[in-house]
Amino acid sequence: MAKCCELTGKGPQYGNKVSHSNIKTRTRWTPNMKKKKYFVTELSRSITFNFCADALSTIDKYGGISQAIIGCNEKYFSERLLKLRVEIKKAMAKPKKKAASKTLAA
């Protein structure tokens, strides 16, 4: 599983563990990554993503994966998410076909 979030760009951080005797040991902290499958209604398919727990709460805040991809800042997006964003915008721009409605004349 990738150690970098596709939505927020969070990755591992490095630093020192410092003991009581002030001995410094290099260590690495990885983000809380989760593999999550979402159904994108605009594209009519499901896609699996690698998100951190913080990104999952961001998606809930926006009200769905499509809205989060459109609404979030694309600065930290992965290449795959950038391509998906373009596809979603194209699908949203297409006019939807309306069913012919019959009006009842009285």
N, C-alpha and C. Protein backbone atom coordinates (compact mmCIF):
# COMPACT_ATOMS: atom_id res chain seq x y z
N MET A 1 0.84 -1.17 0.00
CA MET A 1 0.00 0.00 0.00
C MET A 1 0.89 1.24 0.00
N ALA A 2 0.52 2.22 -0.75
CA ALA A 2 1.30 3.45 -0.84
C ALA A 2 1.28 4.18 0.50
N LYS A 3 2.34 4.88 0.79
CA LYS A 3 2.45 5.61 2.06
C LYS A 3 2.15 7.08 1.88
N CYS A 4 1.53 7.46 0.76
CA CYS A 4 1.22 8.86 0.50
C CYS A 4 -0.26 8.97 0.13
N CYS A 5 -0.97 9.91 0.76
CA CYS A 5 -2.40 10.11 0.52
C CYS A 5 -2.61 10.75 -0.85
N GLU A 6 -3.59 10.23 -1.60
CA GLU A 6 -3.85 10.75 -2.95
C GLU A 6 -4.58 12.09 -2.92
N LEU A 7 -5.32 12.38 -1.85
CA LEU A 7 -6.11 13.61 -1.79
C LEU A 7 -5.36 14.75 -1.10
N THR A 8 -4.74 14.46 0.04
CA THR A 8 -4.09 15.52 0.82
C THR A 8 -2.59 15.60 0.61
N GLY A 9 -1.98 14.56 0.06
CA GLY A 9 -0.54 14.56 -0.17
C GLY A 9 0.27 14.25 1.07
N LYS A 10 -0.38 13.84 2.14
CA LYS A 10 0.35 13.52 3.38
C LYS A 10 1.22 12.30 3.16
N GLY A 11 2.46 12.39 3.62
CA GLY A 11 3.39 11.29 3.50
C GLY A 11 4.11 11.05 4.82
N PRO A 12 5.09 10.19 4.83
CA PRO A 12 5.82 9.91 6.06
C PRO A 12 6.62 11.13 6.53
N GLN A 13 6.76 11.24 7.84
CA GLN A 13 7.58 12.29 8.43
C GLN A 13 8.72 11.64 9.19
N TYR A 14 9.86 12.34 9.22
CA TYR A 14 11.06 11.80 9.84
C TYR A 14 11.48 12.70 11.00
N GLY A 15 12.09 12.10 11.99
CA GLY A 15 12.56 12.89 13.12
C GLY A 15 13.33 12.02 14.09
N ASN A 16 13.53 12.55 15.28
CA ASN A 16 14.27 11.85 16.32
C ASN A 16 13.35 11.48 17.48
N LYS A 17 13.54 10.25 17.98
CA LYS A 17 12.98 9.89 19.27
C LYS A 17 14.05 10.28 20.28
N VAL A 18 13.67 10.99 21.31
CA VAL A 18 14.64 11.42 22.31
C VAL A 18 14.31 10.74 23.62
N SER A 19 15.26 9.95 24.13
CA SER A 19 15.04 9.22 25.38
C SER A 19 15.28 10.14 26.58
N HIS A 20 14.99 9.61 27.74
CA HIS A 20 15.19 10.37 28.98
C HIS A 20 16.66 10.75 29.15
N SER A 21 17.56 9.88 28.67
CA SER A 21 19.00 10.16 28.78
C SER A 21 19.50 11.00 27.60
N ASN A 22 18.56 11.53 26.80
CA ASN A 22 18.84 12.42 25.68
C ASN A 22 19.56 11.73 24.51
N ILE A 23 19.34 10.40 24.36
CA ILE A 23 19.88 9.68 23.22
C ILE A 23 18.88 9.84 22.07
N LYS A 24 19.38 10.27 20.94
CA LYS A 24 18.51 10.52 19.79
C LYS A 24 18.57 9.35 18.81
N THR A 25 17.41 8.84 18.45
CA THR A 25 17.30 7.72 17.52
C THR A 25 16.39 8.15 16.38
N ARG A 26 16.88 8.00 15.14
CA ARG A 26 16.08 8.38 13.97
C ARG A 26 14.86 7.46 13.87
N THR A 27 13.72 8.06 13.51
CA THR A 27 12.50 7.29 13.36
C THR A 27 11.64 7.88 12.24
N ARG A 28 10.61 7.14 11.89
CA ARG A 28 9.74 7.55 10.79
C ARG A 28 8.30 7.32 11.22
N TRP A 29 7.45 8.35 11.01
CA TRP A 29 6.03 8.25 11.32
C TRP A 29 5.26 8.25 10.01
N THR A 30 4.45 7.21 9.82
CA THR A 30 3.66 7.12 8.59
C THR A 30 2.23 7.56 8.87
N PRO A 31 1.55 8.15 7.88
CA PRO A 31 0.16 8.56 8.08
C PRO A 31 -0.76 7.34 8.20
N ASN A 32 -1.92 7.56 8.76
CA ASN A 32 -2.91 6.50 8.95
C ASN A 32 -3.63 6.24 7.63
N MET A 33 -3.04 5.38 6.79
CA MET A 33 -3.56 5.14 5.45
C MET A 33 -4.64 4.06 5.45
N LYS A 34 -5.67 4.31 4.64
CA LYS A 34 -6.75 3.36 4.46
C LYS A 34 -7.02 3.17 2.97
N LYS A 35 -7.30 1.95 2.58
CA LYS A 35 -7.69 1.67 1.19
C LYS A 35 -9.21 1.66 1.16
N LYS A 36 -9.79 2.52 0.33
CA LYS A 36 -11.24 2.71 0.32
C LYS A 36 -11.77 2.69 -1.10
N LYS A 37 -12.89 2.00 -1.31
CA LYS A 37 -13.51 1.90 -2.62
C LYS A 37 -14.74 2.81 -2.65
N TYR A 38 -14.79 3.70 -3.64
CA TYR A 38 -15.91 4.63 -3.80
C TYR A 38 -16.56 4.41 -5.16
N PHE A 39 -17.87 4.62 -5.20
CA PHE A 39 -18.60 4.57 -6.47
C PHE A 39 -18.78 6.00 -6.94
N VAL A 40 -18.23 6.34 -8.10
CA VAL A 40 -18.34 7.67 -8.68
C VAL A 40 -19.55 7.65 -9.61
N THR A 41 -20.62 8.33 -9.20
CA THR A 41 -21.88 8.27 -9.94
C THR A 41 -21.78 8.93 -11.31
N GLU A 42 -20.99 9.99 -11.43
CA GLU A 42 -20.86 10.68 -12.71
C GLU A 42 -20.22 9.79 -13.78
N LEU A 43 -19.32 8.90 -13.34
CA LEU A 43 -18.63 8.02 -14.28
C LEU A 43 -19.22 6.62 -14.31
N SER A 44 -20.15 6.34 -13.41
CA SER A 44 -20.82 5.03 -13.30
C SER A 44 -19.83 3.89 -13.12
N ARG A 45 -18.86 4.09 -12.23
CA ARG A 45 -17.92 3.01 -11.93
C ARG A 45 -17.35 3.22 -10.53
N SER A 46 -16.81 2.15 -9.96
CA SER A 46 -16.21 2.25 -8.63
C SER A 46 -14.69 2.26 -8.77
N ILE A 47 -14.04 3.03 -7.90
CA ILE A 47 -12.60 3.20 -7.95
C ILE A 47 -12.04 3.05 -6.55
N THR A 48 -10.90 2.37 -6.42
CA THR A 48 -10.24 2.20 -5.14
C THR A 48 -9.17 3.26 -4.97
N PHE A 49 -9.17 3.90 -3.80
CA PHE A 49 -8.22 4.97 -3.50
C PHE A 49 -7.41 4.63 -2.26
N ASN A 50 -6.24 5.27 -2.12
CA ASN A 50 -5.44 5.21 -0.90
C ASN A 50 -5.53 6.58 -0.24
N PHE A 51 -6.32 6.66 0.84
CA PHE A 51 -6.52 7.92 1.54
C PHE A 51 -6.07 7.78 2.98
N CYS A 52 -5.68 8.90 3.58
CA CYS A 52 -5.42 8.90 5.02
C CYS A 52 -6.75 9.14 5.73
N ALA A 53 -6.79 8.90 7.03
CA ALA A 53 -8.03 9.04 7.79
C ALA A 53 -8.55 10.47 7.74
N ASP A 54 -7.66 11.45 7.67
CA ASP A 54 -8.06 12.85 7.58
C ASP A 54 -8.78 13.13 6.27
N ALA A 55 -8.35 12.51 5.19
CA ALA A 55 -8.99 12.71 3.89
C ALA A 55 -10.39 12.10 3.88
N LEU A 56 -10.59 10.99 4.60
CA LEU A 56 -11.91 10.37 4.65
C LEU A 56 -12.91 11.30 5.32
N SER A 57 -12.48 12.01 6.37
CA SER A 57 -13.39 12.95 7.03
C SER A 57 -13.63 14.17 6.13
N THR A 58 -12.65 14.54 5.31
CA THR A 58 -12.83 15.64 4.36
C THR A 58 -13.87 15.27 3.31
N ILE A 59 -13.84 14.04 2.85
CA ILE A 59 -14.81 13.56 1.86
C ILE A 59 -16.21 13.59 2.46
N ASP A 60 -16.34 13.17 3.72
CA ASP A 60 -17.64 13.23 4.39
C ASP A 60 -18.13 14.67 4.52
N LYS A 61 -17.21 15.58 4.79
CA LYS A 61 -17.57 16.99 4.95
C LYS A 61 -18.12 17.56 3.64
N TYR A 62 -17.51 17.19 2.52
CA TYR A 62 -17.95 17.69 1.22
C TYR A 62 -19.21 16.99 0.73
N GLY A 63 -19.53 15.83 1.28
CA GLY A 63 -20.76 15.14 0.89
C GLY A 63 -20.59 14.11 -0.20
N GLY A 64 -19.40 13.61 -0.42
CA GLY A 64 -19.17 12.57 -1.41
C GLY A 64 -17.84 12.73 -2.09
N ILE A 65 -17.41 11.69 -2.77
CA ILE A 65 -16.09 11.69 -3.40
C ILE A 65 -16.03 12.68 -4.56
N SER A 66 -17.07 12.77 -5.36
CA SER A 66 -17.05 13.67 -6.51
C SER A 66 -16.97 15.12 -6.08
N GLN A 67 -17.77 15.49 -5.08
CA GLN A 67 -17.76 16.85 -4.58
C GLN A 67 -16.42 17.20 -3.93
N ALA A 68 -15.81 16.23 -3.25
CA ALA A 68 -14.52 16.47 -2.61
C ALA A 68 -13.43 16.67 -3.66
N ILE A 69 -13.46 15.88 -4.73
CA ILE A 69 -12.44 16.02 -5.78
C ILE A 69 -12.59 17.36 -6.49
N ILE A 70 -13.82 17.79 -6.71
CA ILE A 70 -14.05 19.07 -7.37
C ILE A 70 -13.74 20.24 -6.43
N GLY A 71 -14.12 20.11 -5.16
CA GLY A 71 -14.02 21.23 -4.22
C GLY A 71 -12.67 21.44 -3.58
N CYS A 72 -11.89 20.39 -3.42
CA CYS A 72 -10.60 20.50 -2.72
C CYS A 72 -9.54 21.17 -3.60
N ASN A 73 -8.53 21.68 -2.95
CA ASN A 73 -7.40 22.28 -3.66
C ASN A 73 -6.59 21.17 -4.32
N GLU A 74 -6.32 21.32 -5.60
CA GLU A 74 -5.65 20.26 -6.36
C GLU A 74 -4.12 20.30 -6.20
N LYS A 75 -3.62 21.11 -5.32
CA LYS A 75 -2.18 21.28 -5.14
C LYS A 75 -1.49 19.96 -4.76
N TYR A 76 -2.15 19.15 -3.92
CA TYR A 76 -1.53 17.93 -3.41
C TYR A 76 -2.08 16.67 -4.06
N PHE A 77 -2.95 16.78 -5.05
CA PHE A 77 -3.56 15.62 -5.68
C PHE A 77 -2.51 14.75 -6.38
N SER A 78 -2.78 13.45 -6.43
CA SER A 78 -1.95 12.54 -7.21
C SER A 78 -2.30 12.71 -8.69
N GLU A 79 -1.45 12.19 -9.55
CA GLU A 79 -1.69 12.28 -11.00
C GLU A 79 -3.01 11.60 -11.37
N ARG A 80 -3.27 10.48 -10.75
CA ARG A 80 -4.48 9.72 -11.04
C ARG A 80 -5.73 10.52 -10.65
N LEU A 81 -5.65 11.22 -9.53
CA LEU A 81 -6.79 12.02 -9.07
C LEU A 81 -7.00 13.25 -9.94
N LEU A 82 -5.92 13.81 -10.47
CA LEU A 82 -6.05 14.95 -11.38
C LEU A 82 -6.76 14.54 -12.67
N LYS A 83 -6.41 13.37 -13.20
CA LYS A 83 -7.07 12.86 -14.41
C LYS A 83 -8.55 12.57 -14.13
N LEU A 84 -8.81 12.02 -12.96
CA LEU A 84 -10.18 11.70 -12.58
C LEU A 84 -11.01 12.98 -12.42
N ARG A 85 -10.39 14.03 -11.91
CA ARG A 85 -11.08 15.32 -11.74
C ARG A 85 -11.54 15.87 -13.11
N VAL A 86 -10.67 15.76 -14.11
CA VAL A 86 -11.01 16.23 -15.45
C VAL A 86 -12.18 15.40 -16.00
N GLU A 87 -12.14 14.09 -15.81
CA GLU A 87 -13.21 13.22 -16.29
C GLU A 87 -14.55 13.57 -15.64
N ILE A 88 -14.52 13.83 -14.33
CA ILE A 88 -15.75 14.15 -13.61
C ILE A 88 -16.31 15.48 -14.09
N LYS A 89 -15.43 16.47 -14.30
CA LYS A 89 -15.90 17.78 -14.77
C LYS A 89 -16.53 17.66 -16.16
N LYS A 90 -15.95 16.84 -17.03
CA LYS A 90 -16.52 16.63 -18.36
C LYS A 90 -17.89 15.97 -18.25
N ALA A 91 -18.00 14.97 -17.37
CA ALA A 91 -19.27 14.26 -17.21
C ALA A 91 -20.34 15.17 -16.62
N MET A 92 -19.95 16.08 -15.73
CA MET A 92 -20.91 17.00 -15.12
C MET A 92 -21.36 18.07 -16.12
N ALA A 93 -20.50 18.40 -17.08
CA ALA A 93 -20.82 19.44 -18.05
C ALA A 93 -21.77 18.96 -19.14
N LYS A 94 -21.80 17.64 -19.38
CA LYS A 94 -22.68 17.10 -20.41
C LYS A 94 -24.13 17.31 -19.99
N PRO A 95 -24.96 17.79 -20.92
CA PRO A 95 -26.38 17.95 -20.57
C PRO A 95 -27.04 16.59 -20.45
N LYS A 96 -27.85 16.45 -19.42
CA LYS A 96 -28.54 15.18 -19.22
C LYS A 96 -29.78 15.13 -20.09
N LYS A 97 -30.06 13.94 -20.60
CA LYS A 97 -31.23 13.76 -21.45
C LYS A 97 -32.47 13.75 -20.56
N LYS A 98 -33.46 14.54 -20.96
CA LYS A 98 -34.71 14.58 -20.22
C LYS A 98 -35.71 13.68 -20.92
N ALA A 99 -36.46 12.97 -20.11
CA ALA A 99 -37.50 12.12 -20.66
C ALA A 99 -38.65 13.00 -21.13
N ALA A 100 -39.23 12.64 -22.23
CA ALA A 100 -40.32 13.43 -22.78
C ALA A 100 -41.51 13.33 -21.84
N SER A 101 -41.88 14.47 -21.29
CA SER A 101 -43.00 14.46 -20.35
C SER A 101 -44.29 14.80 -21.09
N LYS A 102 -45.30 14.09 -20.76
CA LYS A 102 -46.59 14.31 -21.39
C LYS A 102 -47.42 15.18 -20.45
N THR A 103 -47.94 16.23 -20.97
CA THR A 103 -48.79 17.09 -20.15
C THR A 103 -50.23 16.69 -20.37
N LEU A 104 -50.94 16.63 -19.30
CA LEU A 104 -52.35 16.26 -19.38
C LEU A 104 -53.18 17.52 -19.56
N ALA A 105 -53.85 17.61 -20.67
CA ALA A 105 -54.71 18.75 -20.91
C ALA A 105 -56.11 18.41 -20.46
N ALA A 106 -56.65 19.24 -19.61
CA ALA A 106 -58.00 18.95 -19.09
C ALA A 106 -59.04 19.76 -19.81
